[in-house]
Structures are given as C-alpha cells and as structure tokens.
Amino acid sequence: AVDVAVGKKDSEEAIAAQWGQIKALIGPGSPEVLLFHLTNHYCPLYAWREVVGDDGTIRRHILTSRRGQRPSAWLDWAECREIMIKWSGYKIMKIGVR
C-alpha cells in the first residue's frame, strides 16, 4: 500500500500534506526509517529543513545522498516529487520493526 501518493496534478494543499507526512516520519522518536529510491540509487533520508527565501517563499529540502550513503545533498522536495512522478519504481519507502 502507498502511504503518500504523489501525482503531476497535485494541488498545493496536497503537496503540503505530503510534506507534512514526510516531516513526521523523519522526526525524532519515529520508529521508522525512510529509504529513497531515486535515479538508480537507494539512500536513507536523514533530515528535513524549510528555508524561507528573500521573496518569502518556503523551500522544502530533504537531506540524503546522490552517491554513496553519507548525508551529503539537500534535495528540494519539488525535485524529489519529480523523480517519483517520472517512474513508478522511484519511491520513498518506510522501513520499521514490527
């Protein structure tokens, strides 16, 4: 089952709700780990941040890695969504202990 589905026609409200779910799953005390299958690479999601630009827009970022497994790249949430929309095999997976 898909917990958070993303699509090309998502409204700003839907995108904000998706972001809220990702933030909650990365947050402190979460018993799950998020693993991102992005372009031919699997990597953990380590952290999130929101940055307010000079124009007042909020930029949403995920800390992950483009190569290797060390946290080294802040990916814009919009880019993450584009990757997942591009092909159904690219996903963020939730891994936990039962």
N, C-alpha and C. Protein backbone atom coordinates (compact mmCIF):
# COMPACT_ATOMS: atom_id res chain seq x y z
N ALA A 1 0.84 -1.19 0.00
CA ALA A 1 0.00 0.00 0.00
C ALA A 1 0.87 1.24 0.00
N VAL A 2 0.40 2.27 -0.67
CA VAL A 2 1.11 3.53 -0.73
C VAL A 2 0.56 4.44 0.37
N ASP A 3 1.45 4.91 1.25
CA ASP A 3 1.02 5.81 2.32
C ASP A 3 0.84 7.24 1.81
N VAL A 4 1.79 7.68 0.97
CA VAL A 4 1.75 9.04 0.45
C VAL A 4 1.92 8.97 -1.06
N ALA A 5 0.84 9.13 -1.79
CA ALA A 5 0.90 9.09 -3.25
C ALA A 5 1.18 10.49 -3.78
N VAL A 6 2.04 10.58 -4.80
CA VAL A 6 2.32 11.87 -5.44
C VAL A 6 1.89 11.79 -6.89
N GLY A 7 1.44 12.92 -7.42
CA GLY A 7 0.99 12.96 -8.80
C GLY A 7 1.26 14.31 -9.43
N LYS A 8 1.25 14.34 -10.75
CA LYS A 8 1.52 15.57 -11.50
C LYS A 8 0.51 16.67 -11.21
N LYS A 9 -0.73 16.28 -10.96
CA LYS A 9 -1.80 17.27 -10.80
C LYS A 9 -2.12 17.60 -9.34
N ASP A 10 -1.21 17.26 -8.42
CA ASP A 10 -1.45 17.55 -7.00
C ASP A 10 -1.58 19.05 -6.75
N SER A 11 -2.53 19.42 -5.92
CA SER A 11 -2.71 20.82 -5.53
C SER A 11 -1.62 21.21 -4.53
N GLU A 12 -1.48 22.50 -4.30
CA GLU A 12 -0.52 22.98 -3.30
C GLU A 12 -0.86 22.42 -1.92
N GLU A 13 -2.15 22.27 -1.63
CA GLU A 13 -2.58 21.71 -0.35
C GLU A 13 -2.16 20.24 -0.23
N ALA A 14 -2.30 19.48 -1.32
CA ALA A 14 -1.89 18.07 -1.31
C ALA A 14 -0.38 17.95 -1.15
N ILE A 15 0.37 18.81 -1.82
CA ILE A 15 1.83 18.78 -1.71
C ILE A 15 2.26 19.13 -0.29
N ALA A 16 1.60 20.10 0.32
CA ALA A 16 1.91 20.47 1.71
C ALA A 16 1.59 19.31 2.66
N ALA A 17 0.50 18.60 2.40
CA ALA A 17 0.14 17.45 3.24
C ALA A 17 1.16 16.33 3.09
N GLN A 18 1.63 16.09 1.86
CA GLN A 18 2.66 15.08 1.63
C GLN A 18 3.92 15.44 2.40
N TRP A 19 4.31 16.70 2.32
CA TRP A 19 5.50 17.18 3.02
C TRP A 19 5.33 16.99 4.53
N GLY A 20 4.16 17.28 5.04
CA GLY A 20 3.90 17.10 6.48
C GLY A 20 4.07 15.65 6.90
N GLN A 21 3.64 14.72 6.07
CA GLN A 21 3.80 13.30 6.39
C GLN A 21 5.27 12.90 6.38
N ILE A 22 6.02 13.40 5.42
CA ILE A 22 7.46 13.10 5.37
C ILE A 22 8.15 13.66 6.61
N LYS A 23 7.83 14.90 6.99
CA LYS A 23 8.43 15.51 8.18
C LYS A 23 8.15 14.68 9.42
N ALA A 24 6.92 14.20 9.56
CA ALA A 24 6.54 13.42 10.74
C ALA A 24 7.31 12.10 10.79
N LEU A 25 7.56 11.50 9.64
CA LEU A 25 8.26 10.21 9.60
C LEU A 25 9.76 10.35 9.82
N ILE A 26 10.32 11.52 9.53
CA ILE A 26 11.74 11.75 9.76
C ILE A 26 11.97 12.29 11.17
N GLY A 27 10.94 12.76 11.81
CA GLY A 27 11.07 13.43 13.10
C GLY A 27 11.65 12.57 14.20
N PRO A 28 12.09 13.22 15.26
CA PRO A 28 12.66 12.50 16.40
C PRO A 28 11.63 11.54 17.01
N GLY A 29 12.10 10.39 17.39
CA GLY A 29 11.22 9.41 18.01
C GLY A 29 10.47 8.53 17.03
N SER A 30 10.64 8.78 15.72
CA SER A 30 9.96 7.94 14.73
C SER A 30 10.61 6.57 14.71
N PRO A 31 9.81 5.50 14.83
CA PRO A 31 10.39 4.14 14.83
C PRO A 31 10.75 3.64 13.42
N GLU A 32 10.44 4.42 12.39
CA GLU A 32 10.70 4.01 11.02
C GLU A 32 11.91 4.75 10.44
N VAL A 33 12.44 4.17 9.38
CA VAL A 33 13.49 4.79 8.59
C VAL A 33 12.93 4.95 7.18
N LEU A 34 13.25 6.06 6.53
CA LEU A 34 12.80 6.27 5.16
C LEU A 34 13.97 6.02 4.22
N LEU A 35 13.71 5.22 3.18
CA LEU A 35 14.70 4.89 2.18
C LEU A 35 14.17 5.39 0.84
N PHE A 36 14.95 6.22 0.17
CA PHE A 36 14.53 6.84 -1.09
C PHE A 36 15.18 6.10 -2.25
N HIS A 37 14.34 5.56 -3.14
CA HIS A 37 14.85 5.01 -4.39
C HIS A 37 14.74 6.13 -5.41
N LEU A 38 15.86 6.82 -5.61
CA LEU A 38 15.88 7.85 -6.62
C LEU A 38 16.65 7.32 -7.82
N THR A 39 17.02 8.13 -8.74
CA THR A 39 17.56 7.70 -10.02
C THR A 39 18.68 6.68 -9.85
N ASN A 40 18.33 5.40 -9.99
CA ASN A 40 19.27 4.27 -9.92
C ASN A 40 20.11 4.23 -8.64
N HIS A 41 19.51 4.62 -7.53
CA HIS A 41 20.26 4.68 -6.27
C HIS A 41 19.27 4.60 -5.10
N TYR A 42 19.60 3.83 -4.08
CA TYR A 42 18.83 3.79 -2.84
C TYR A 42 19.62 4.50 -1.76
N CYS A 43 18.97 5.36 -0.99
CA CYS A 43 19.67 6.07 0.07
C CYS A 43 18.69 6.46 1.18
N PRO A 44 19.18 6.52 2.42
CA PRO A 44 18.33 6.95 3.54
C PRO A 44 18.00 8.44 3.45
N LEU A 45 16.89 8.81 4.07
CA LEU A 45 16.57 10.22 4.28
C LEU A 45 16.96 10.53 5.71
N TYR A 46 17.83 11.51 5.89
CA TYR A 46 18.40 11.80 7.20
C TYR A 46 17.70 12.93 7.95
N ALA A 47 17.27 13.94 7.21
CA ALA A 47 16.69 15.11 7.88
C ALA A 47 15.88 15.91 6.87
N TRP A 48 15.14 16.87 7.38
CA TRP A 48 14.40 17.81 6.54
C TRP A 48 14.67 19.21 7.04
N ARG A 49 14.46 20.18 6.18
CA ARG A 49 14.55 21.59 6.57
C ARG A 49 13.63 22.41 5.70
N GLU A 50 13.27 23.56 6.22
CA GLU A 50 12.49 24.55 5.47
C GLU A 50 13.25 25.86 5.53
N VAL A 51 13.47 26.45 4.37
CA VAL A 51 14.22 27.68 4.27
C VAL A 51 13.32 28.73 3.63
N VAL A 52 13.26 29.91 4.25
CA VAL A 52 12.46 30.99 3.70
C VAL A 52 13.37 31.86 2.84
N GLY A 53 13.00 31.98 1.56
CA GLY A 53 13.78 32.78 0.62
C GLY A 53 13.55 34.27 0.82
N ASP A 54 14.36 35.06 0.14
CA ASP A 54 14.23 36.52 0.21
C ASP A 54 12.86 36.99 -0.25
N ASP A 55 12.24 36.22 -1.14
CA ASP A 55 10.92 36.60 -1.65
C ASP A 55 9.78 36.07 -0.78
N GLY A 56 10.13 35.41 0.34
CA GLY A 56 9.12 34.91 1.27
C GLY A 56 8.63 33.50 0.99
N THR A 57 9.09 32.90 -0.10
CA THR A 57 8.66 31.53 -0.39
C THR A 57 9.42 30.54 0.50
N ILE A 58 8.74 29.47 0.84
CA ILE A 58 9.35 28.44 1.67
C ILE A 58 9.89 27.35 0.76
N ARG A 59 11.15 27.03 0.92
CA ARG A 59 11.79 25.93 0.19
C ARG A 59 11.89 24.75 1.13
N ARG A 60 11.47 23.59 0.66
CA ARG A 60 11.48 22.36 1.46
C ARG A 60 12.61 21.48 0.95
N HIS A 61 13.44 20.98 1.87
CA HIS A 61 14.59 20.16 1.48
C HIS A 61 14.66 18.88 2.31
N ILE A 62 15.19 17.85 1.67
CA ILE A 62 15.46 16.56 2.31
C ILE A 62 16.97 16.32 2.26
N LEU A 63 17.56 15.91 3.38
CA LEU A 63 18.98 15.58 3.42
C LEU A 63 19.15 14.10 3.09
N THR A 64 19.88 13.82 2.02
CA THR A 64 20.11 12.46 1.56
C THR A 64 21.46 12.42 0.88
N SER A 65 21.65 11.47 -0.03
CA SER A 65 22.90 11.39 -0.79
C SER A 65 22.60 11.03 -2.24
N ARG A 66 23.32 11.63 -3.14
CA ARG A 66 23.18 11.29 -4.55
C ARG A 66 24.10 10.12 -4.91
N ARG A 67 25.21 10.01 -4.19
CA ARG A 67 26.16 8.90 -4.35
C ARG A 67 26.55 8.42 -2.97
N GLY A 68 26.75 7.12 -2.85
CA GLY A 68 27.12 6.59 -1.55
C GLY A 68 25.96 6.67 -0.57
N GLN A 69 26.26 6.57 0.72
CA GLN A 69 25.22 6.55 1.74
C GLN A 69 25.35 7.66 2.78
N ARG A 70 26.40 8.43 2.73
CA ARG A 70 26.56 9.50 3.70
C ARG A 70 25.66 10.68 3.38
N PRO A 71 25.12 11.34 4.40
CA PRO A 71 24.29 12.52 4.13
C PRO A 71 25.14 13.63 3.52
N SER A 72 24.86 13.97 2.27
CA SER A 72 25.72 14.93 1.59
C SER A 72 24.99 15.91 0.68
N ALA A 73 23.70 15.70 0.46
CA ALA A 73 22.99 16.56 -0.50
C ALA A 73 21.62 16.93 0.03
N TRP A 74 21.31 18.22 -0.03
CA TRP A 74 19.97 18.69 0.28
C TRP A 74 19.20 18.74 -1.02
N LEU A 75 18.22 17.86 -1.19
CA LEU A 75 17.38 17.84 -2.39
C LEU A 75 16.11 18.61 -2.12
N ASP A 76 15.73 19.43 -3.07
CA ASP A 76 14.48 20.16 -2.97
C ASP A 76 13.32 19.16 -3.05
N TRP A 77 12.31 19.34 -2.22
CA TRP A 77 11.16 18.44 -2.21
C TRP A 77 10.50 18.38 -3.59
N ALA A 78 10.50 19.51 -4.32
CA ALA A 78 9.92 19.52 -5.67
C ALA A 78 10.70 18.57 -6.58
N GLU A 79 12.03 18.52 -6.45
CA GLU A 79 12.83 17.60 -7.24
C GLU A 79 12.54 16.15 -6.86
N CYS A 80 12.40 15.88 -5.57
CA CYS A 80 12.05 14.53 -5.11
C CYS A 80 10.73 14.09 -5.71
N ARG A 81 9.74 14.98 -5.70
CA ARG A 81 8.44 14.67 -6.28
C ARG A 81 8.57 14.38 -7.78
N GLU A 82 9.35 15.19 -8.50
CA GLU A 82 9.54 14.97 -9.93
C GLU A 82 10.16 13.61 -10.21
N ILE A 83 11.13 13.21 -9.41
CA ILE A 83 11.77 11.91 -9.57
C ILE A 83 10.74 10.80 -9.40
N MET A 84 9.92 10.90 -8.34
CA MET A 84 8.94 9.85 -8.07
C MET A 84 7.83 9.81 -9.13
N ILE A 85 7.47 10.97 -9.67
CA ILE A 85 6.43 11.03 -10.69
C ILE A 85 6.94 10.46 -12.02
N LYS A 86 8.23 10.63 -12.27
CA LYS A 86 8.82 10.20 -13.54
C LYS A 86 8.65 8.71 -13.80
N TRP A 87 8.82 7.88 -12.77
CA TRP A 87 8.72 6.43 -12.94
C TRP A 87 8.16 5.84 -11.66
N SER A 88 7.23 4.90 -11.78
CA SER A 88 6.56 4.33 -10.60
C SER A 88 7.51 3.53 -9.69
N GLY A 89 8.68 3.15 -10.19
CA GLY A 89 9.64 2.42 -9.37
C GLY A 89 10.41 3.31 -8.40
N TYR A 90 10.42 4.62 -8.65
CA TYR A 90 11.10 5.55 -7.74
C TYR A 90 10.11 5.91 -6.64
N LYS A 91 10.50 5.59 -5.41
CA LYS A 91 9.60 5.79 -4.27
C LYS A 91 10.39 6.13 -3.02
N ILE A 92 9.69 6.60 -2.01
CA ILE A 92 10.24 6.67 -0.66
C ILE A 92 9.57 5.56 0.12
N MET A 93 10.39 4.67 0.66
CA MET A 93 9.88 3.50 1.37
C MET A 93 10.07 3.68 2.87
N LYS A 94 9.10 3.23 3.62
CA LYS A 94 9.15 3.29 5.07
C LYS A 94 9.55 1.90 5.58
N ILE A 95 10.59 1.84 6.38
CA ILE A 95 11.07 0.57 6.92
C ILE A 95 10.99 0.66 8.45
N GLY A 96 10.37 -0.32 9.06
CA GLY A 96 10.23 -0.33 10.51
C GLY A 96 10.25 -1.74 11.05
N VAL A 97 10.25 -1.82 12.36
CA VAL A 97 10.24 -3.12 13.05
C VAL A 97 8.82 -3.38 13.54
N ARG A 98 8.35 -4.60 13.36
CA ARG A 98 7.01 -4.96 13.83
C ARG A 98 7.12 -5.69 15.13
